[in-house]
N, C-alpha and C. Protein backbone atom coordinates (compact mmCIF):
# COMPACT_ATOMS: atom_id res chain seq x y z
N MET A 1 -2.34 -5.07 -0.05
CA MET A 1 -1.70 -4.17 0.19
C MET A 1 -1.91 -2.65 0.28
N ASP A 2 -1.97 -2.03 1.53
CA ASP A 2 -1.94 -1.18 1.99
C ASP A 2 -1.52 0.37 1.17
N ILE A 3 -1.60 0.97 0.04
CA ILE A 3 -0.80 1.84 -0.58
C ILE A 3 -1.51 3.64 -0.24
N THR A 4 -1.88 3.48 1.40
CA THR A 4 -1.51 5.29 1.30
C THR A 4 -0.90 5.92 1.44
N PRO A 5 -0.97 7.49 1.33
CA PRO A 5 0.45 7.58 1.42
C PRO A 5 1.22 7.56 2.30
N LYS A 6 0.66 7.64 3.18
CA LYS A 6 1.33 7.34 4.67
C LYS A 6 2.57 6.28 4.66
N ASN A 7 2.15 4.86 3.98
CA ASN A 7 3.08 4.07 4.04
C ASN A 7 3.61 4.67 2.15
N GLY A 8 3.80 4.84 1.82
CA GLY A 8 4.32 5.27 0.36
C GLY A 8 5.65 4.30 0.15
N SER A 9 6.64 4.63 1.24
CA SER A 9 7.87 4.08 1.03
C SER A 9 8.11 3.10 1.08
N ASP A 10 6.91 1.92 1.45
CA ASP A 10 6.49 0.33 1.46
C ASP A 10 6.30 0.12 0.18
N PHE A 11 6.62 0.93 -1.22
CA PHE A 11 5.70 0.61 -2.26
C PHE A 11 6.67 -0.20 -3.16
N PRO A 12 5.98 -1.22 -3.62
CA PRO A 12 7.25 -1.96 -4.73
C PRO A 12 8.36 -1.53 -5.09
N TRP A 13 7.70 -0.26 -6.35
CA TRP A 13 8.62 0.24 -7.34
C TRP A 13 9.70 1.13 -6.49
N THR A 14 9.58 1.92 -4.97
CA THR A 14 10.58 3.13 -4.46
C THR A 14 11.45 2.84 -4.60
N GLY A 15 11.86 3.94 -4.93
CA GLY A 15 14.05 3.77 -5.34
C GLY A 15 14.09 3.13 -6.69
N GLN A 16 13.33 2.31 -7.59
CA GLN A 16 13.14 1.76 -8.86
C GLN A 16 12.88 2.71 -10.15
N ASP A 17 13.71 2.31 -11.41
CA ASP A 17 13.20 3.27 -12.49
C ASP A 17 12.20 2.73 -12.23
N THR A 18 10.83 3.97 -12.39
CA THR A 18 9.01 3.35 -13.09
C THR A 18 9.53 2.65 -14.25
N GLY A 19 9.97 2.68 -15.66
CA GLY A 19 10.53 3.00 -16.57
C GLY A 19 10.63 1.66 -16.56
N LYS A 20 11.84 0.79 -15.92
CA LYS A 20 11.85 -0.69 -16.06
C LYS A 20 10.77 -1.79 -14.88
N PHE A 21 10.50 -1.49 -13.76
CA PHE A 21 9.54 -1.62 -13.64
C PHE A 21 8.37 -1.89 -13.91
N GLU A 22 8.02 -0.86 -14.60
CA GLU A 22 6.46 -0.66 -15.33
C GLU A 22 6.60 -2.53 -16.41
N GLN A 23 7.64 -1.72 -17.48
CA GLN A 23 7.74 -2.48 -18.40
C GLN A 23 8.20 -4.49 -17.84
N GLU A 24 8.15 -4.38 -16.68
CA GLU A 24 8.96 -5.91 -16.19
C GLU A 24 7.37 -6.70 -15.40
N TRP A 25 6.04 -5.51 -14.86
CA TRP A 25 5.56 -5.71 -14.40
C TRP A 25 3.75 -5.91 -15.18
N ASN A 26 3.90 -4.73 -15.33
CA ASN A 26 2.62 -3.66 -16.10
C ASN A 26 2.30 -5.27 -17.30
N MET A 27 0.84 -5.36 -17.17
CA MET A 27 -0.05 -6.14 -17.96
C MET A 27 0.60 -7.77 -17.83
N LYS A 28 1.01 -7.87 -16.83
CA LYS A 28 1.55 -10.03 -16.19
C LYS A 28 0.09 -10.74 -16.03
N PRO A 29 -0.73 -11.38 -16.80
CA PRO A 29 -1.76 -12.83 -16.00
C PRO A 29 -1.50 -13.14 -14.81
N VAL A 30 -2.35 -12.84 -14.00
CA VAL A 30 -2.37 -13.42 -12.29
C VAL A 30 -3.68 -13.98 -12.46
N ALA A 31 -3.56 -14.91 -11.21
CA ALA A 31 -5.26 -15.83 -11.04
C ALA A 31 -5.82 -15.88 -9.81
N VAL A 32 -6.97 -15.22 -10.05
CA VAL A 32 -7.17 -14.26 -8.84
C VAL A 32 -8.43 -15.29 -8.77
N GLN A 33 -9.58 -15.29 -7.44
CA GLN A 33 -10.67 -16.25 -6.74
C GLN A 33 -11.09 -15.12 -6.53
N GLY A 34 -12.23 -14.43 -7.03
CA GLY A 34 -13.84 -13.81 -5.70
C GLY A 34 -14.16 -14.12 -6.42
N VAL A 35 -15.21 -12.55 -6.08
CA VAL A 35 -17.33 -12.87 -6.37
C VAL A 35 -16.81 -10.87 -7.44
N LEU A 36 -17.55 -11.75 -9.18
CA LEU A 36 -17.15 -10.41 -9.79
C LEU A 36 -18.87 -9.56 -9.86
N ASP A 37 -18.47 -8.44 -9.38
CA ASP A 37 -19.78 -7.94 -9.00
C ASP A 37 -20.08 -6.83 -10.00
N VAL A 38 -21.05 -7.00 -11.66
CA VAL A 38 -21.49 -7.15 -12.23
C VAL A 38 -22.77 -5.90 -12.18
N ARG A 39 -23.36 -5.98 -10.93
CA ARG A 39 -24.37 -5.05 -11.22
C ARG A 39 -23.60 -3.91 -10.23
N ASN A 40 -22.49 -3.72 -10.02
CA ASN A 40 -22.13 -2.03 -9.56
C ASN A 40 -21.00 -1.71 -10.64
N GLN A 41 -20.60 -2.47 -11.60
CA GLN A 41 -19.63 -1.88 -12.94
C GLN A 41 -20.06 -1.01 -13.28
N VAL A 42 -19.08 0.33 -14.07
CA VAL A 42 -19.23 1.58 -14.41
C VAL A 42 -18.58 0.89 -16.18
N GLU A 43 -19.03 1.57 -16.97
CA GLU A 43 -18.98 1.91 -18.75
C GLU A 43 -17.99 3.80 -18.35
N VAL A 44 -16.72 3.39 -19.15
CA VAL A 44 -15.95 4.76 -19.14
C VAL A 44 -15.95 4.75 -20.68
N ALA A 45 -16.24 5.60 -21.10
CA ALA A 45 -16.34 6.80 -22.95
C ALA A 45 -15.06 5.80 -23.05
N LYS A 46 -15.12 5.74 -24.16
CA LYS A 46 -13.38 5.60 -25.28
C LYS A 46 -13.77 5.35 -26.78
N TYR A 47 -12.78 5.63 -27.35
CA TYR A 47 -12.84 5.08 -28.88
C TYR A 47 -11.37 4.45 -28.85
N VAL A 48 -11.57 3.68 -29.92
CA VAL A 48 -10.70 2.74 -30.04
C VAL A 48 -10.56 2.71 -31.91
N ASN A 49 -9.73 3.16 -32.07
CA ASN A 49 -9.48 3.12 -34.15
C ASN A 49 -10.19 3.94 -33.81
N GLY A 50 -11.00 5.00 -33.68
CA GLY A 50 -11.91 6.00 -34.69
C GLY A 50 -13.49 5.85 -34.55
N GLU A 51 -13.46 4.17 -33.13
CA GLU A 51 -14.60 3.71 -33.28
C GLU A 51 -14.92 3.90 -31.91
N ARG A 52 -16.65 4.65 -31.99
CA ARG A 52 -17.95 5.16 -30.31
C ARG A 52 -17.50 3.85 -29.43
N GLY A 53 -16.94 3.56 -28.18
CA GLY A 53 -17.56 2.73 -27.17
C GLY A 53 -16.98 2.18 -25.87
N VAL A 54 -17.07 1.23 -25.07
CA VAL A 54 -17.05 1.89 -23.85
C VAL A 54 -15.34 0.08 -23.21
N GLU A 55 -14.71 1.47 -22.40
CA GLU A 55 -14.02 0.33 -21.29
C GLU A 55 -15.17 0.23 -20.22
N VAL A 56 -15.13 -1.20 -19.35
CA VAL A 56 -16.13 -2.19 -18.86
C VAL A 56 -14.91 -2.06 -17.45
N VAL A 57 -15.47 -1.78 -16.14
CA VAL A 57 -15.04 -2.06 -15.13
C VAL A 57 -15.60 -3.08 -14.04
N ALA A 58 -15.13 -3.66 -13.24
CA ALA A 58 -16.57 -3.99 -12.21
C ALA A 58 -15.03 -4.57 -11.01
N PRO A 59 -15.58 -3.86 -10.16
CA PRO A 59 -15.01 -4.57 -8.87
C PRO A 59 -14.96 -6.08 -8.88
N MET A 60 -14.51 -6.80 -7.76
CA MET A 60 -13.89 -8.35 -7.74
C MET A 60 -13.61 -8.90 -5.67
N TYR A 61 -14.59 -8.85 -5.87
CA TYR A 61 -14.48 -8.92 -4.20
C TYR A 61 -13.71 -9.79 -3.37
N THR A 62 -12.37 -10.12 -3.09
CA THR A 62 -11.70 -11.22 -3.05
C THR A 62 -11.13 -11.81 -1.96
N HIS A 63 -11.94 -11.03 -0.61
CA HIS A 63 -12.20 -11.46 1.09
C HIS A 63 -12.67 -10.30 1.66
N LEU A 64 -12.61 -11.03 2.91
CA LEU A 64 -13.57 -9.55 4.22
C LEU A 64 -12.20 -9.28 4.67
N ASN A 65 -12.59 -8.50 5.31
CA ASN A 65 -11.50 -7.54 5.88
C ASN A 65 -11.95 -8.60 7.92
N LYS A 66 -11.43 -7.36 8.64
CA LYS A 66 -11.63 -7.79 10.00
C LYS A 66 -12.87 -7.47 10.37
N GLU A 67 -13.62 -6.33 9.65
CA GLU A 67 -14.90 -6.04 9.84
C GLU A 67 -15.60 -6.53 9.55
N GLY A 68 -15.45 -7.71 8.83
CA GLY A 68 -16.48 -8.69 7.98
C GLY A 68 -17.05 -7.36 6.72
N LYS A 69 -16.64 -6.29 6.22
CA LYS A 69 -17.28 -6.06 5.24
C LYS A 69 -15.86 -6.11 3.90
N PRO A 70 -16.66 -6.28 2.77
CA PRO A 70 -15.67 -6.84 1.01
C PRO A 70 -14.73 -6.16 1.22
N CYS A 71 -13.35 -6.60 0.51
CA CYS A 71 -12.17 -6.01 -0.28
C CYS A 71 -11.33 -6.40 -1.40
N GLY A 72 -11.48 -5.49 -2.50
CA GLY A 72 -10.13 -6.46 -3.43
C GLY A 72 -10.45 -5.93 -4.53
N ILE A 73 -10.63 -6.08 -5.83
CA ILE A 73 -9.82 -4.94 -6.58
C ILE A 73 -10.67 -4.71 -7.92
N LEU A 74 -10.36 -3.59 -8.62
CA LEU A 74 -11.06 -3.77 -9.84
C LEU A 74 -10.78 -3.93 -11.08
N VAL A 75 -11.08 -4.91 -11.93
CA VAL A 75 -11.35 -5.51 -13.20
C VAL A 75 -11.28 -4.75 -14.42
N ASN A 76 -10.43 -4.81 -15.60
CA ASN A 76 -11.12 -3.89 -16.58
C ASN A 76 -11.27 -5.42 -17.03
N ARG A 77 -13.01 -5.28 -17.32
CA ARG A 77 -13.54 -6.09 -18.43
C ARG A 77 -13.20 -5.90 -19.84
N GLY A 78 -12.51 -5.07 -20.07
CA GLY A 78 -12.47 -5.18 -21.50
C GLY A 78 -13.05 -3.33 -22.35
N TRP A 79 -13.24 -3.70 -23.71
CA TRP A 79 -13.89 -2.19 -24.34
C TRP A 79 -14.79 -3.15 -25.05
N MET A 80 -15.74 -2.38 -25.82
CA MET A 80 -17.10 -3.32 -25.63
C MET A 80 -16.95 -2.20 -27.04
N PRO A 81 -18.05 -2.31 -28.10
CA PRO A 81 -18.29 -1.40 -29.48
C PRO A 81 -19.72 -0.52 -28.66
N HIS A 82 -20.04 0.59 -28.67
CA HIS A 82 -20.95 1.15 -27.79
C HIS A 82 -22.45 0.75 -28.76
N ASP A 83 -22.94 0.32 -30.01
CA ASP A 83 -24.13 -1.21 -29.97
C ASP A 83 -24.14 -1.99 -29.50
N LEU A 84 -23.22 -2.21 -28.98
CA LEU A 84 -22.91 -3.68 -28.18
C LEU A 84 -23.27 -3.24 -26.47
N LYS A 85 -23.25 -2.04 -26.16
CA LYS A 85 -23.00 -2.32 -24.69
C LYS A 85 -24.10 -2.77 -23.97
N ARG A 86 -25.29 -2.41 -24.64
CA ARG A 86 -26.89 -3.07 -23.82
C ARG A 86 -26.82 -4.51 -23.86
N ASN A 87 -26.19 -5.06 -24.20
CA ASN A 87 -26.00 -6.81 -24.47
C ASN A 87 -25.25 -6.91 -23.24
N ARG A 88 -25.96 -8.01 -22.09
CA ARG A 88 -25.84 -8.60 -20.92
C ARG A 88 -25.35 -10.28 -21.28
N TRP A 89 -23.48 -10.18 -21.33
CA TRP A 89 -23.43 -11.01 -21.78
C TRP A 89 -23.38 -11.62 -19.90
N ASP A 90 -23.43 -10.88 -18.98
CA ASP A 90 -22.60 -11.29 -17.40
C ASP A 90 -23.64 -11.78 -17.02
N HIS A 91 -25.17 -11.70 -17.64
CA HIS A 91 -25.81 -12.85 -16.65
C HIS A 91 -27.45 -13.60 -17.59
N ALA A 92 -25.64 -13.88 -19.09
CA ALA A 92 -26.60 -15.28 -20.02
C ALA A 92 -26.30 -16.37 -19.40
N THR A 93 -27.48 -17.18 -19.02
CA THR A 93 -27.58 -18.31 -18.39
C THR A 93 -27.00 -19.14 -19.50
N VAL A 94 -26.23 -20.50 -19.05
CA VAL A 94 -26.03 -21.38 -19.98
C VAL A 94 -26.32 -22.43 -19.91
N GLN A 95 -26.31 -23.84 -20.57
CA GLN A 95 -26.93 -24.52 -20.55
C GLN A 95 -26.41 -25.54 -20.63
């Protein structure tokens, strides 16, 4: 869905109580197919219960647009303690 300000009137939450909308739709499980681009993931510093760590966010490409450019979503891969952030589980080979 294009969520530019130009078409903001088309948002699903337009005209609704945002608290109710968030309670109903926030953090719901979904199924998405695509390619997770771990090479371009970012780590955002975040403390959880006083422990230093990072929140890992990566792009997931779900389709190509009319010009053949990849389009997709951002996937929050979760929080990781700082002392484990250099472990590369996403590159591990499973045999």
